[in-house]
PDB file of N, CA and C in Angstrom:
ATOM      1  N   MET A   1    -129.031 -44.330-115.374  1.00  0.00           N
ATOM      2  CA  MET A   1    -129.151 -42.643-114.270  1.00  0.00           C
ATOM      3  C   MET A   1    -129.602 -43.354-112.877  1.00  0.00           C
ATOM      4  N   ALA A   2    -129.473 -44.133-112.331  1.00  0.00           N
ATOM      5  CA  ALA A   2    -130.149 -44.312-111.327  1.00  0.00           C
ATOM      6  C   ALA A   2    -128.327 -46.135-110.483  1.00  0.00           C
ATOM      7  N   ALA A   3    -128.303 -46.472-111.503  1.00  0.00           N
ATOM      8  CA  ALA A   3    -126.702 -47.201-110.836  1.00  0.00           C
ATOM      9  C   ALA A   3    -125.314 -45.881-110.658  1.00  0.00           C
ATOM     10  N   ALA A   4    -125.913 -44.878-112.007  1.00  0.00           N
ATOM     11  CA  ALA A   4    -124.938 -43.903-111.714  1.00  0.00           C
ATOM     12  C   ALA A   4    -124.849 -42.892-110.394  1.00  0.00           C
ATOM     13  N   ARG A   5    -125.426 -42.651-109.790  1.00  0.00           N
ATOM     14  CA  ARG A   5    -126.347 -41.559-109.107  1.00  0.00           C
ATOM     15  C   ARG A   5    -126.652 -42.672-107.564  1.00  0.00           C
ATOM     16  N   LEU A   6    -126.556 -43.741-107.432  1.00  0.00           N
ATOM     17  CA  LEU A   6    -125.857 -44.650-105.798  1.00  0.00           C
ATOM     18  C   LEU A   6    -124.314 -44.670-105.998  1.00  0.00           C
ATOM     19  N   ALA A   7    -123.982 -45.159-107.452  1.00  0.00           N
ATOM     20  CA  ALA A   7    -122.066 -45.458-107.393  1.00  0.00           C
ATOM     21  C   ALA A   7    -121.483 -43.451-107.095  1.00  0.00           C
ATOM     22  N   ALA A   8    -121.830 -42.446-107.396  1.00  0.00           N
ATOM     23  CA  ALA A   8    -121.487 -40.969-106.796  1.00  0.00           C
ATOM     24  C   ALA A   8    -121.589 -40.548-105.517  1.00  0.00           C
ATOM     25  N   ALA A   9    -122.751 -41.521-104.984  1.00  0.00           N
ATOM     26  CA  ALA A   9    -123.482 -41.824-103.330  1.00  0.00           C
ATOM     27  C   ALA A   9    -122.074 -42.827-102.249  1.00  0.00           C
ATOM     28  N   GLY A  10    -121.301 -43.454-103.364  1.00  0.00           N
ATOM     29  CA  GLY A  10    -120.722 -44.077-102.408  1.00  0.00           C
ATOM     30  C   GLY A  10    -120.539 -45.131-102.329  1.00  0.00           C
ATOM     31  N   TRP A  11    -122.116 -46.067-103.338  1.00  0.00           N
ATOM     32  CA  TRP A  11    -122.011 -47.058-103.538  1.00  0.00           C
ATOM     33  C   TRP A  11    -121.310 -48.092-104.555  1.00  0.00           C
ATOM     34  N   GLU A  12    -120.520 -49.196-104.331  1.00  0.00           N
ATOM     35  CA  GLU A  12    -120.270 -50.532-105.120  1.00  0.00           C
ATOM     36  C   GLU A  12    -121.494 -51.302-105.368  1.00  0.00           C
ATOM     37  N   LEU A  13    -121.060 -50.752-107.363  1.00  0.00           N
ATOM     38  CA  LEU A  13    -121.634 -51.594-107.928  1.00  0.00           C
ATOM     39  C   LEU A  13    -121.330 -53.075-108.236  1.00  0.00           C
ATOM     40  N   VAL A  14    -122.328 -53.375-107.753  1.00  0.00           N
ATOM     41  CA  VAL A  14    -121.832 -55.697-108.337  1.00  0.00           C
ATOM     42  C   VAL A  14    -122.022 -55.908-109.631  1.00  0.00           C
ATOM     43  N   GLU A  15    -123.469 -55.239-109.192  1.00  0.00           N
ATOM     44  CA  GLU A  15    -124.272 -56.100-110.678  1.00  0.00           C
ATOM     45  C   GLU A  15    -124.850 -54.743-111.481  1.00  0.00           C
ATOM     46  N   ARG A  16    -125.124 -54.616-112.731  1.00  0.00           N
ATOM     47  CA  ARG A  16    -126.108 -53.967-113.661  1.00  0.00           C
ATOM     48  C   ARG A  16    -127.178 -55.022-114.924  1.00  0.00           C
ATOM     49  N   ASN A  17    -128.225 -54.787-114.180  1.00  0.00           N
ATOM     50  CA  ASN A  17    -128.949 -56.013-115.161  1.00  0.00           C
ATOM     51  C   ASN A  17    -128.395 -57.498-114.619  1.00  0.00           C
ATOM     52  N   ALA A  18    -128.482 -57.646-113.531  1.00  0.00           N
ATOM     53  CA  ALA A  18    -128.360 -58.937-113.163  1.00  0.00           C
ATOM     54  C   ALA A  18    -128.804 -60.598-113.395  1.00  0.00           C
ATOM     55  N   ARG A  19    -127.970 -60.926-114.512  1.00  0.00           N
ATOM     56  CA  ARG A  19    -129.328 -62.062-114.929  1.00  0.00           C
ATOM     57  C   ARG A  19    -129.204 -63.583-113.605  1.00  0.00           C
ATOM     58  N   THR A  20    -130.036 -63.737-113.694  1.00  0.00           N
ATOM     59  CA  THR A  20    -130.453 -65.226-113.136  1.00  0.00           C
ATOM     60  C   THR A  20    -130.695 -66.205-114.186  1.00  0.00           C
ATOM     61  N   ARG A  21    -130.861 -67.531-113.849  1.00  0.00           N
ATOM     62  CA  ARG A  21    -131.723 -68.570-114.527  1.00  0.00           C
ATOM     63  C   ARG A  21    -133.510 -67.933-114.789  1.00  0.00           C
ATOM     64  N   TYR A  22    -133.742 -67.651-113.766  1.00  0.00           N
ATOM     65  CA  TYR A  22    -134.814 -67.236-114.119  1.00  0.00           C
ATOM     66  C   TYR A  22    -135.316 -65.501-114.185  1.00  0.00           C
ATOM     67  N   GLY A  23    -134.969 -64.934-114.555  1.00  0.00           N
ATOM     68  CA  GLY A  23    -134.962 -63.604-114.860  1.00  0.00           C
ATOM     69  C   GLY A  23    -133.817 -62.461-114.425  1.00  0.00           C
ATOM     70  N   GLU A  24    -133.890 -61.000-114.542  1.00  0.00           N
ATOM     71  CA  GLU A  24    -132.980 -60.515-114.333  1.00  0.00           C
ATOM     72  C   GLU A  24    -133.751 -59.210-113.212  1.00  0.00           C
ATOM     73  N   LEU A  25    -132.360 -58.765-112.786  1.00  0.00           N
ATOM     74  CA  LEU A  25    -132.195 -57.763-111.196  1.00  0.00           C
ATOM     75  C   LEU A  25    -131.598 -57.246-112.027  1.00  0.00           C
ATOM     76  N   ASP A  26    -132.903 -55.631-111.113  1.00  0.00           N
ATOM     77  CA  ASP A  26    -132.066 -53.965-111.931  1.00  0.00           C
ATOM     78  C   ASP A  26    -130.697 -53.787-111.625  1.00  0.00           C
ATOM     79  N   ILE A  27    -130.481 -53.903-110.250  1.00  0.00           N
ATOM     80  CA  ILE A  27    -129.236 -53.261-109.836  1.00  0.00           C
ATOM     81  C   ILE A  27    -128.876 -54.496-108.590  1.00  0.00           C
ATOM     82  N   VAL A  28    -127.760 -54.235-108.381  1.00  0.00           N
ATOM     83  CA  VAL A  28    -127.353 -55.553-106.914  1.00  0.00           C
ATOM     84  C   VAL A  28    -125.785 -53.906-106.538  1.00  0.00           C
ATOM     85  N   ALA A  29    -125.814 -54.414-105.699  1.00  0.00           N
ATOM     86  CA  ALA A  29    -124.892 -53.242-105.086  1.00  0.00           C
ATOM     87  C   ALA A  29    -125.078 -53.300-103.842  1.00  0.00           C
ATOM     88  N   LEU A  30    -123.701 -52.553-102.981  1.00  0.00           N
ATOM     89  CA  LEU A  30    -122.711 -53.146-101.763  1.00  0.00           C
ATOM     90  C   LEU A  30    -123.489 -51.300-101.083  1.00  0.00           C
ATOM     91  N   ASP A  31    -123.949 -50.976-100.153  1.00  0.00           N
ATOM     92  CA  ASP A  31    -124.057 -50.194 -99.462  1.00  0.00           C
ATOM     93  C   ASP A  31    -123.390 -50.258 -98.424  1.00  0.00           C
ATOM     94  N   GLY A  32    -122.164 -49.260 -97.561  1.00  0.00           N
ATOM     95  CA  GLY A  32    -121.249 -49.935 -96.911  1.00  0.00           C
ATOM     96  C   GLY A  32    -121.132 -51.307 -96.791  1.00  0.00           C
ATOM     97  N   ARG A  33    -121.415 -51.994 -95.755  1.00  0.00           N
ATOM     98  CA  ARG A  33    -121.872 -53.578 -96.093  1.00  0.00           C
ATOM     99  C   ARG A  33    -122.444 -54.271 -96.371  1.00  0.00           C
ATOM    100  N   ASP A  34    -123.254 -53.809 -96.639  1.00  0.00           N
ATOM    101  CA  ASP A  34    -124.645 -54.611 -97.151  1.00  0.00           C
ATOM    102  C   ASP A  34    -125.408 -54.228 -98.369  1.00  0.00           C
ATOM    103  N   LEU A  35    -125.988 -55.845 -98.877  1.00  0.00           N
ATOM    104  CA  LEU A  35    -125.769 -56.409-100.282  1.00  0.00           C
ATOM    105  C   LEU A  35    -127.491 -55.482-100.663  1.00  0.00           C
ATOM    106  N   VAL A  36    -127.687 -54.880-101.575  1.00  0.00           N
ATOM    107  CA  VAL A  36    -128.760 -53.957-101.793  1.00  0.00           C
ATOM    108  C   VAL A  36    -129.042 -54.764-102.898  1.00  0.00           C
ATOM    109  N   PHE A  37    -130.257 -54.643-103.148  1.00  0.00           N
ATOM    110  CA  PHE A  37    -131.204 -55.481-104.011  1.00  0.00           C
ATOM    111  C   PHE A  37    -132.112 -54.131-104.425  1.00  0.00           C
ATOM    112  N   VAL A  38    -131.728 -53.494-106.101  1.00  0.00           N
ATOM    113  CA  VAL A  38    -132.569 -52.199-106.461  1.00  0.00           C
ATOM    114  C   VAL A  38    -133.572 -52.644-107.519  1.00  0.00           C
ATOM    115  N   GLU A  39    -134.732 -52.687-106.880  1.00  0.00           N
ATOM    116  CA  GLU A  39    -135.902 -52.310-107.901  1.00  0.00           C
ATOM    117  C   GLU A  39    -136.138 -50.668-108.678  1.00  0.00           C
ATOM    118  N   VAL A  40    -135.797 -50.465-110.404  1.00  0.00           N
ATOM    119  CA  VAL A  40    -135.821 -49.356-110.585  1.00  0.00           C
ATOM    120  C   VAL A  40    -137.340 -49.156-111.710  1.00  0.00           C
ATOM    121  N   LYS A  41    -138.503 -48.321-111.137  1.00  0.00           N
ATOM    122  CA  LYS A  41    -138.865 -48.064-111.444  1.00  0.00           C
ATOM    123  C   LYS A  41    -138.859 -46.857-112.714  1.00  0.00           C
ATOM    124  N   ALA A  42    -139.682 -46.573-113.693  1.00  0.00           N
ATOM    125  CA  ALA A  42    -139.385 -45.009-114.161  1.00  0.00           C
ATOM    126  C   ALA A  42    -141.261 -44.756-114.995  1.00  0.00           C
ATOM    127  N   GLY A  43    -141.007 -44.177-115.090  1.00  0.00           N
ATOM    128  CA  GLY A  43    -142.599 -43.034-115.529  1.00  0.00           C
ATOM    129  C   GLY A  43    -142.256 -42.296-116.290  1.00  0.00           C
ATOM    130  N   ARG A  44    -143.484 -41.644-116.936  1.00  0.00           N
ATOM    131  CA  ARG A  44    -143.406 -40.029-117.398  1.00  0.00           C
ATOM    132  C   ARG A  44    -144.954 -39.444-116.727  1.00  0.00           C
ATOM    133  N   ARG A  45    -144.218 -38.395-115.864  1.00  0.00           N
ATOM    134  CA  ARG A  45    -145.532 -37.264-115.324  1.00  0.00           C
ATOM    135  C   ARG A  45    -145.870 -37.062-115.936  1.00  0.00           C
ATOM    136  N   GLY A  46    -147.387 -36.381-115.925  1.00  0.00           N
ATOM    137  CA  GLY A  46    -149.260 -36.647-116.100  1.00  0.00           C
ATOM    138  C   GLY A  46    -149.654 -38.056-117.707  1.00  0.00           C
ATOM    139  N   SER A  47    -148.981 -39.151-117.260  1.00  0.00           N
ATOM    140  CA  SER A  47    -149.000 -40.477-117.934  1.00  0.00           C
ATOM    141  C   SER A  47    -150.730 -40.374-117.655  1.00  0.00           C
ATOM    142  N   ARG A  48    -151.250 -40.998-117.598  1.00  0.00           N
ATOM    143  CA  ARG A  48    -152.640 -42.102-117.501  1.00  0.00           C
ATOM    144  C   ARG A  48    -152.273 -42.769-116.881  1.00  0.00           C
ATOM    145  N   LEU A  49    -151.354 -43.866-117.340  1.00  0.00           N
ATOM    146  CA  LEU A  49    -151.149 -45.479-117.434  1.00  0.00           C
ATOM    147  C   LEU A  49    -150.103 -45.311-116.443  1.00  0.00           C
ATOM    148  N   GLY A  50    -150.921 -46.706-115.600  1.00  0.00           N
ATOM    149  CA  GLY A  50    -149.432 -46.483-114.517  1.00  0.00           C
ATOM    150  C   GLY A  50    -150.548 -45.790-113.156  1.00  0.00           C
ATOM    151  N   PRO A  51    -149.336 -46.174-112.724  1.00  0.00           N
ATOM    152  CA  PRO A  51    -149.733 -45.018-111.134  1.00  0.00           C
ATOM    153  C   PRO A  51    -149.107 -43.915-110.551  1.00  0.00           C
ATOM    154  N   GLU A  52    -149.461 -43.215-110.016  1.00  0.00           N
ATOM    155  CA  GLU A  52    -149.183 -42.052-109.613  1.00  0.00           C
ATOM    156  C   GLU A  52    -148.258 -41.429-110.239  1.00  0.00           C
ATOM    157  N   ARG A  53    -146.995 -43.121-109.077  1.00  0.00           N
ATOM    158  CA  ARG A  53    -145.472 -42.381-108.762  1.00  0.00           C
ATOM    159  C   ARG A  53    -145.028 -43.438-109.647  1.00  0.00           C
ATOM    160  N   PRO A  54    -143.785 -44.001-110.198  1.00  0.00           N
ATOM    161  CA  PRO A  54    -143.011 -44.595-111.071  1.00  0.00           C
ATOM    162  C   PRO A  54    -142.834 -45.896-109.490  1.00  0.00           C
ATOM    163  N   ILE A  55    -142.717 -45.749-108.252  1.00  0.00           N
ATOM    164  CA  ILE A  55    -142.457 -46.299-108.296  1.00  0.00           C
ATOM    165  C   ILE A  55    -143.377 -46.911-106.453  1.00  0.00           C
ATOM    166  N   LEU A  56    -145.218 -46.356-107.030  1.00  0.00           N
ATOM    167  CA  LEU A  56    -145.693 -47.198-106.738  1.00  0.00           C
ATOM    168  C   LEU A  56    -145.743 -48.754-107.139  1.00  0.00           C
ATOM    169  N   ALA A  57    -145.420 -48.626-108.131  1.00  0.00           N
ATOM    170  CA  ALA A  57    -145.585 -49.817-109.269  1.00  0.00           C
ATOM    171  C   ALA A  57    -144.614 -50.640-108.939  1.00  0.00           C
ATOM    172  N   VAL A  58    -143.817 -51.073-107.710  1.00  0.00           N
ATOM    173  CA  VAL A  58    -143.433 -52.332-106.865  1.00  0.00           C
ATOM    174  C   VAL A  58    -144.410 -52.610-105.701  1.00  0.00           C
ATOM    175  N   ASP A  59    -145.113 -53.421-106.774  1.00  0.00           N
ATOM    176  CA  ASP A  59    -146.077 -53.925-105.731  1.00  0.00           C
ATOM    177  C   ASP A  59    -146.327 -54.736-105.537  1.00  0.00           C
ATOM    178  N   ALA A  60    -146.803 -56.015-104.614  1.00  0.00           N
ATOM    179  CA  ALA A  60    -146.474 -56.436-103.573  1.00  0.00           C
ATOM    180  C   ALA A  60    -146.217 -58.412-104.581  1.00  0.00           C
ATOM    181  N   ASN A  61    -146.418 -58.568-105.922  1.00  0.00           N
ATOM    182  CA  ASN A  61    -146.120 -59.304-107.303  1.00  0.00           C
ATOM    183  C   ASN A  61    -144.822 -59.161-107.605  1.00  0.00           C
ATOM    184  N   LYS A  62    -144.362 -58.093-107.166  1.00  0.00           N
ATOM    185  CA  LYS A  62    -143.089 -57.134-107.789  1.00  0.00           C
ATOM    186  C   LYS A  62    -141.809 -58.231-107.659  1.00  0.00           C
ATOM    187  N   GLN A  63    -142.368 -57.126-106.104  1.00  0.00           N
ATOM    188  CA  GLN A  63    -141.677 -57.017-104.612  1.00  0.00           C
ATOM    189  C   GLN A  63    -141.415 -59.031-104.372  1.00  0.00           C
ATOM    190  N   HIS A  64    -142.686 -60.036-104.105  1.00  0.00           N
ATOM    191  CA  HIS A  64    -141.733 -61.319-104.743  1.00  0.00           C
ATOM    192  C   HIS A  64    -141.716 -61.583-105.832  1.00  0.00           C
ATOM    193  N   ARG A  65    -141.449 -60.888-106.870  1.00  0.00           N
ATOM    194  CA  ARG A  65    -140.662 -62.040-107.647  1.00  0.00           C
ATOM    195  C   ARG A  65    -138.752 -61.101-106.910  1.00  0.00           C
ATOM    196  N   VAL A  66    -138.879 -59.926-107.550  1.00  0.00           N
ATOM    197  CA  VAL A  66    -137.491 -60.006-107.238  1.00  0.00           C
ATOM    198  C   VAL A  66    -136.442 -60.348-105.684  1.00  0.00           C
ATOM    199  N   ARG A  67    -137.758 -60.586-103.870  1.00  0.00           N
ATOM    200  CA  ARG A  67    -136.999 -61.483-103.721  1.00  0.00           C
ATOM    201  C   ARG A  67    -136.440 -62.716-104.190  1.00  0.00           C
ATOM    202  N   ARG A  68    -137.403 -63.623-104.675  1.00  0.00           N
ATOM    203  CA  ARG A  68    -136.170 -64.898-105.620  1.00  0.00           C
ATOM    204  C   ARG A  68    -136.205 -64.689-106.124  1.00  0.00           C
ATOM    205  N   LEU A  69    -135.389 -63.306-107.100  1.00  0.00           N
ATOM    206  CA  LEU A  69    -134.632 -63.678-108.008  1.00  0.00           C
ATOM    207  C   LEU A  69    -132.920 -63.238-106.653  1.00  0.00           C
ATOM    208  N   ALA A  70    -133.688 -62.096-106.664  1.00  0.00           N
ATOM    209  CA  ALA A  70    -132.407 -62.319-105.030  1.00  0.00           C
ATOM    210  C   ALA A  70    -132.098 -63.876-104.800  1.00  0.00           C
ATOM    211  N   ILE A  71    -132.597 -64.463-104.013  1.00  0.00           N
ATOM    212  CA  ILE A  71    -132.078 -65.851-103.441  1.00  0.00           C
ATOM    213  C   ILE A  71    -131.382 -66.603-104.734  1.00  0.00           C
ATOM    214  N   ALA A  72    -132.022 -66.622-106.321  1.00  0.00           N
ATOM    215  CA  ALA A  72    -131.331 -67.092-107.153  1.00  0.00           C
ATOM    216  C   ALA A  72    -129.535 -66.700-107.424  1.00  0.00           C
ATOM    217  N   TRP A  73    -129.281 -65.439-107.288  1.00  0.00           N
ATOM    218  CA  TRP A  73    -128.580 -64.722-107.603  1.00  0.00           C
ATOM    219  C   TRP A  73    -127.133 -64.678-106.208  1.00  0.00           C
ATOM    220  N   MET A  74    -128.224 -65.022-104.524  1.00  0.00           N
ATOM    221  CA  MET A  74    -126.726 -65.603-104.081  1.00  0.00           C
ATOM    222  C   MET A  74    -126.850 -66.831-104.454  1.00  0.00           C
ATOM    223  N   ALA A  75    -127.386 -67.791-104.813  1.00  0.00           N
ATOM    224  CA  ALA A  75    -127.185 -68.362-104.786  1.00  0.00           C
ATOM    225  C   ALA A  75    -126.219 -69.787-105.566  1.00  0.00           C
ATOM    226  N   GLU A  76    -125.753 -69.337-107.010  1.00  0.00           N
ATOM    227  CA  GLU A  76    -125.651 -68.918-108.852  1.00  0.00           C
ATOM    228  C   GLU A  76    -124.566 -68.124-107.969  1.00  0.00           C
ATOM    229  N   ARG A  77    -124.009 -67.222-106.820  1.00  0.00           N
ATOM    230  CA  ARG A  77    -122.892 -66.522-106.719  1.00  0.00           C
ATOM    231  C   ARG A  77    -122.688 -66.402-105.349  1.00  0.00           C
ATOM    232  N   ARG A  78    -122.233 -67.706-104.487  1.00  0.00           N
ATOM    233  CA  ARG A  78    -122.416 -68.222-103.416  1.00  0.00           C
ATOM    234  C   ARG A  78    -120.872 -67.776-102.973  1.00  0.00           C
ATOM    235  N   GLY A  79    -120.907 -66.591-101.823  1.00  0.00           N
ATOM    236  CA  GLY A  79    -119.184 -66.730-101.361  1.00  0.00           C
ATOM    237  C   GLY A  79    -118.724 -66.019-102.288  1.00  0.00           C
ATOM    238  N   ALA A  80    -118.967 -65.128-103.166  1.00  0.00           N
ATOM    239  CA  ALA A  80    -119.317 -63.933-104.559  1.00  0.00           C
ATOM    240  C   ALA A  80    -118.567 -62.566-103.567  1.00  0.00           C
ATOM    241  N   VAL A  81    -119.793 -62.833-102.940  1.00  0.00           N
ATOM    242  CA  VAL A  81    -119.648 -60.590-102.657  1.00  0.00           C
ATOM    243  C   VAL A  81    -119.670 -61.828-101.171  1.00  0.00           C
ATOM    244  N   ARG A  82    -118.749 -60.490 -99.986  1.00  0.00           N
ATOM    245  CA  ARG A  82    -119.572 -60.093 -98.523  1.00  0.00           C
ATOM    246  C   ARG A  82    -120.259 -59.674 -97.953  1.00  0.00           C
ATOM    247  N   TYR A  83    -121.447 -59.820 -97.477  1.00  0.00           N
ATOM    248  CA  TYR A  83    -122.185 -58.909 -96.873  1.00  0.00           C
ATOM    249  C   TYR A  83    -122.610 -58.883 -95.832  1.00  0.00           C
ATOM    250  N   ALA A  84    -122.888 -58.302 -94.760  1.00  0.00           N
ATOM    251  CA  ALA A  84    -123.201 -57.690 -93.702  1.00  0.00           C
ATOM    252  C   ALA A  84    -125.094 -58.525 -93.032  1.00  0.00           C
ATOM    253  N   GLN A  85    -125.826 -57.967 -94.623  1.00  0.00           N
ATOM    254  CA  GLN A  85    -127.255 -57.535 -94.129  1.00  0.00           C
ATOM    255  C   GLN A  85    -127.730 -58.357 -95.892  1.00  0.00           C
ATOM    256  N   VAL A  86    -128.948 -58.461 -95.689  1.00  0.00           N
ATOM    257  CA  VAL A  86    -129.216 -58.142 -97.403  1.00  0.00           C
ATOM    258  C   VAL A  86    -130.917 -57.165 -97.000  1.00  0.00           C
ATOM    259  N   ARG A  87    -130.560 -56.444 -98.537  1.00  0.00           N
ATOM    260  CA  ARG A  87    -131.887 -54.983 -97.939  1.00  0.00           C
ATOM    261  C   ARG A  87    -132.200 -55.007 -99.408  1.00  0.00           C
ATOM    262  N   PHE A  88    -133.224 -55.199 -99.457  1.00  0.00           N
ATOM    263  CA  PHE A  88    -134.415 -53.993-100.854  1.00  0.00           C
ATOM    264  C   PHE A  88    -134.981 -52.538-101.067  1.00  0.00           C
ATOM    265  N   ASP A  89    -133.852 -51.999-102.271  1.00  0.00           N
ATOM    266  CA  ASP A  89    -134.678 -50.683-101.880  1.00  0.00           C
ATOM    267  C   ASP A  89    -135.503 -50.715-103.509  1.00  0.00           C
ATOM    268  N   ALA A  90    -136.380 -49.656-103.782  1.00  0.00           N
ATOM    269  CA  ALA A  90    -136.987 -49.364-104.575  1.00  0.00           C
ATOM    270  C   ALA A  90    -136.669 -47.926-105.374  1.00  0.00           C
ATOM    271  N   ILE A  91    -136.304 -47.410-106.780  1.00  0.00           N
ATOM    272  CA  ILE A  91    -135.816 -46.024-106.686  1.00  0.00           C
ATOM    273  C   ILE A  91    -137.663 -46.171-108.372  1.00  0.00           C
ATOM    274  N   GLY A  92    -138.287 -44.804-107.908  1.00  0.00           N
ATOM    275  CA  GLY A  92    -138.781 -44.536-109.015  1.00  0.00           C
ATOM    276  C   GLY A  92    -138.300 -43.784-109.833  1.00  0.00           C
ATOM    277  N   VAL A  93    -138.280 -42.802-111.169  1.00  0.00           N
ATOM    278  CA  VAL A  93    -137.686 -41.732-111.964  1.00  0.00           C
ATOM    279  C   VAL A  93    -138.366 -41.303-112.437  1.00  0.00           C
ATOM    280  N   THR A  94    -139.421 -40.052-112.971  1.00  0.00           N
ATOM    281  CA  THR A  94    -140.073 -39.315-113.365  1.00  0.00           C
ATOM    282  C   THR A  94    -139.386 -38.935-114.204  1.00  0.00           C
ATOM    283  N   PHE A  95    -139.777 -38.699-115.757  1.00  0.00           N
ATOM    284  CA  PHE A  95    -138.903 -38.587-116.966  1.00  0.00           C
ATOM    285  C   PHE A  95    -140.865 -37.368-117.626  1.00  0.00           C
ATOM    286  N   ASP A  96    -139.826 -36.318-117.706  1.00  0.00           N
ATOM    287  CA  ASP A  96    -140.777 -35.644-118.732  1.00  0.00           C
ATOM    288  C   ASP A  96    -141.102 -35.747-119.945  1.00  0.00           C
ATOM    289  N   ARG A  97    -141.453 -34.613-120.589  1.00  0.00           N
ATOM    290  CA  ARG A  97    -142.844 -35.581-122.180  1.00  0.00           C
ATOM    291  C   ARG A  97    -140.905 -35.384-122.443  1.00  0.00           C
ATOM    292  N   GLY A  98    -140.282 -34.413-122.632  1.00  0.00           N
ATOM    293  CA  GLY A  98    -139.350 -33.665-123.716  1.00  0.00           C
ATOM    294  C   GLY A  98    -138.111 -35.296-122.964  1.00  0.00           C
ATOM    295  N   GLY A  99    -138.162 -36.523-122.176  1.00  0.00           N
ATOM    296  CA  GLY A  99    -136.589 -36.708-121.257  1.00  0.00           C
ATOM    297  C   GLY A  99    -136.476 -36.693-120.120  1.00  0.00           C
ATOM    298  N   ARG A 100    -136.291 -35.495-119.814  1.00  0.00           N
ATOM    299  CA  ARG A 100    -136.131 -35.150-118.555  1.00  0.00           C
ATOM    300  C   ARG A 100    -136.102 -35.620-117.997  1.00  0.00           C
ATOM    301  N   ALA A 101    -135.124 -36.685-116.781  1.00  0.00           N
ATOM    302  CA  ALA A 101    -135.889 -37.140-115.566  1.00  0.00           C
ATOM    303  C   ALA A 101    -135.914 -35.118-114.771  1.00  0.00           C
ATOM    304  N   VAL A 102    -137.570 -35.364-113.944  1.00  0.00           N
ATOM    305  CA  VAL A 102    -137.845 -34.320-113.377  1.00  0.00           C
ATOM    306  C   VAL A 102    -138.539 -34.772-111.405  1.00  0.00           C
ATOM    307  N   GLY A 103    -137.638 -36.011-111.032  1.00  0.00           N
ATOM    308  CA  GLY A 103    -138.213 -36.663-110.092  1.00  0.00           C
ATOM    309  C   GLY A 103    -137.501 -38.090-109.630  1.00  0.00           C
ATOM    310  N   TRP A 104    -136.856 -37.845-108.386  1.00  0.00           N
ATOM    311  CA  TRP A 104    -136.090 -38.714-107.839  1.00  0.00           C
ATOM    312  C   TRP A 104    -136.796 -38.841-106.638  1.00  0.00           C
ATOM    313  N   GLU A 105    -136.860 -40.943-106.626  1.00  0.00           N
ATOM    314  CA  GLU A 105    -137.023 -40.906-104.890  1.00  0.00           C
ATOM    315  C   GLU A 105    -136.511 -42.680-105.071  1.00  0.00           C
ATOM    316  N   HIS A 106    -135.855 -42.373-104.278  1.00  0.00           N
ATOM    317  CA  HIS A 106    -135.466 -43.647-103.320  1.00  0.00           C
ATOM    318  C   HIS A 106    -135.595 -44.108-102.475  1.00  0.00           C
ATOM    319  N   LEU A 107    -136.845 -45.339-101.529  1.00  0.00           N
ATOM    320  CA  LEU A 107    -137.274 -45.863-100.623  1.00  0.00           C
ATOM    321  C   LEU A 107    -136.168 -47.212-100.139  1.00  0.00           C
ATOM    322  N   ARG A 108    -135.991 -46.915 -99.056  1.00  0.00           N
ATOM    323  CA  ARG A 108    -134.166 -47.277 -98.340  1.00  0.00           C
ATOM    324  C   ARG A 108    -134.962 -48.029 -97.406  1.00  0.00           C
ATOM    325  N   ALA A 109    -134.722 -49.810 -97.862  1.00  0.00           N
ATOM    326  CA  ALA A 109    -135.868 -50.969 -97.200  1.00  0.00           C
ATOM    327  C   ALA A 109    -136.889 -51.060 -97.556  1.00  0.00           C
ATOM    328  N   ALA A 110    -136.834 -50.953 -99.262  1.00  0.00           N
ATOM    329  CA  ALA A 110    -138.629 -50.729 -99.728  1.00  0.00           C
ATOM    330  C   ALA A 110    -139.634 -52.044 -99.169  1.00  0.00           C
ATOM    331  N   PHE A 111    -138.560 -52.833 -98.685  1.00  0.00           N
ATOM    332  CA  PHE A 111    -139.311 -54.462 -99.079  1.00  0.00           C
ATOM    333  C   PHE A 111    -139.282 -54.770 -98.336  1.00  0.00           C
TER     334      PHE A 111
END
């Protein structure tokens, strides 16, 4: 859902569930000339588990891990993608009990 929404906004999806030898990145995309690594978190409205909003689950540890994975991704694909800048975005999607998306939060340059 997040990838489709970004594509509809004119982003070029480079890779979904991008694997490196250290782990996986949710979305790698181009927003204009910027290479963007997007971390996506989902949660259920009214849940007692996890943070109040899914996007808050992108804590300092997760941010550090995504940065390390991004460095590995770029090193493994040296020269494959041309970009002006590198950015890290976070997307939080909230679902109701029926599985319908009822909230969407996209933070550009989140970390």
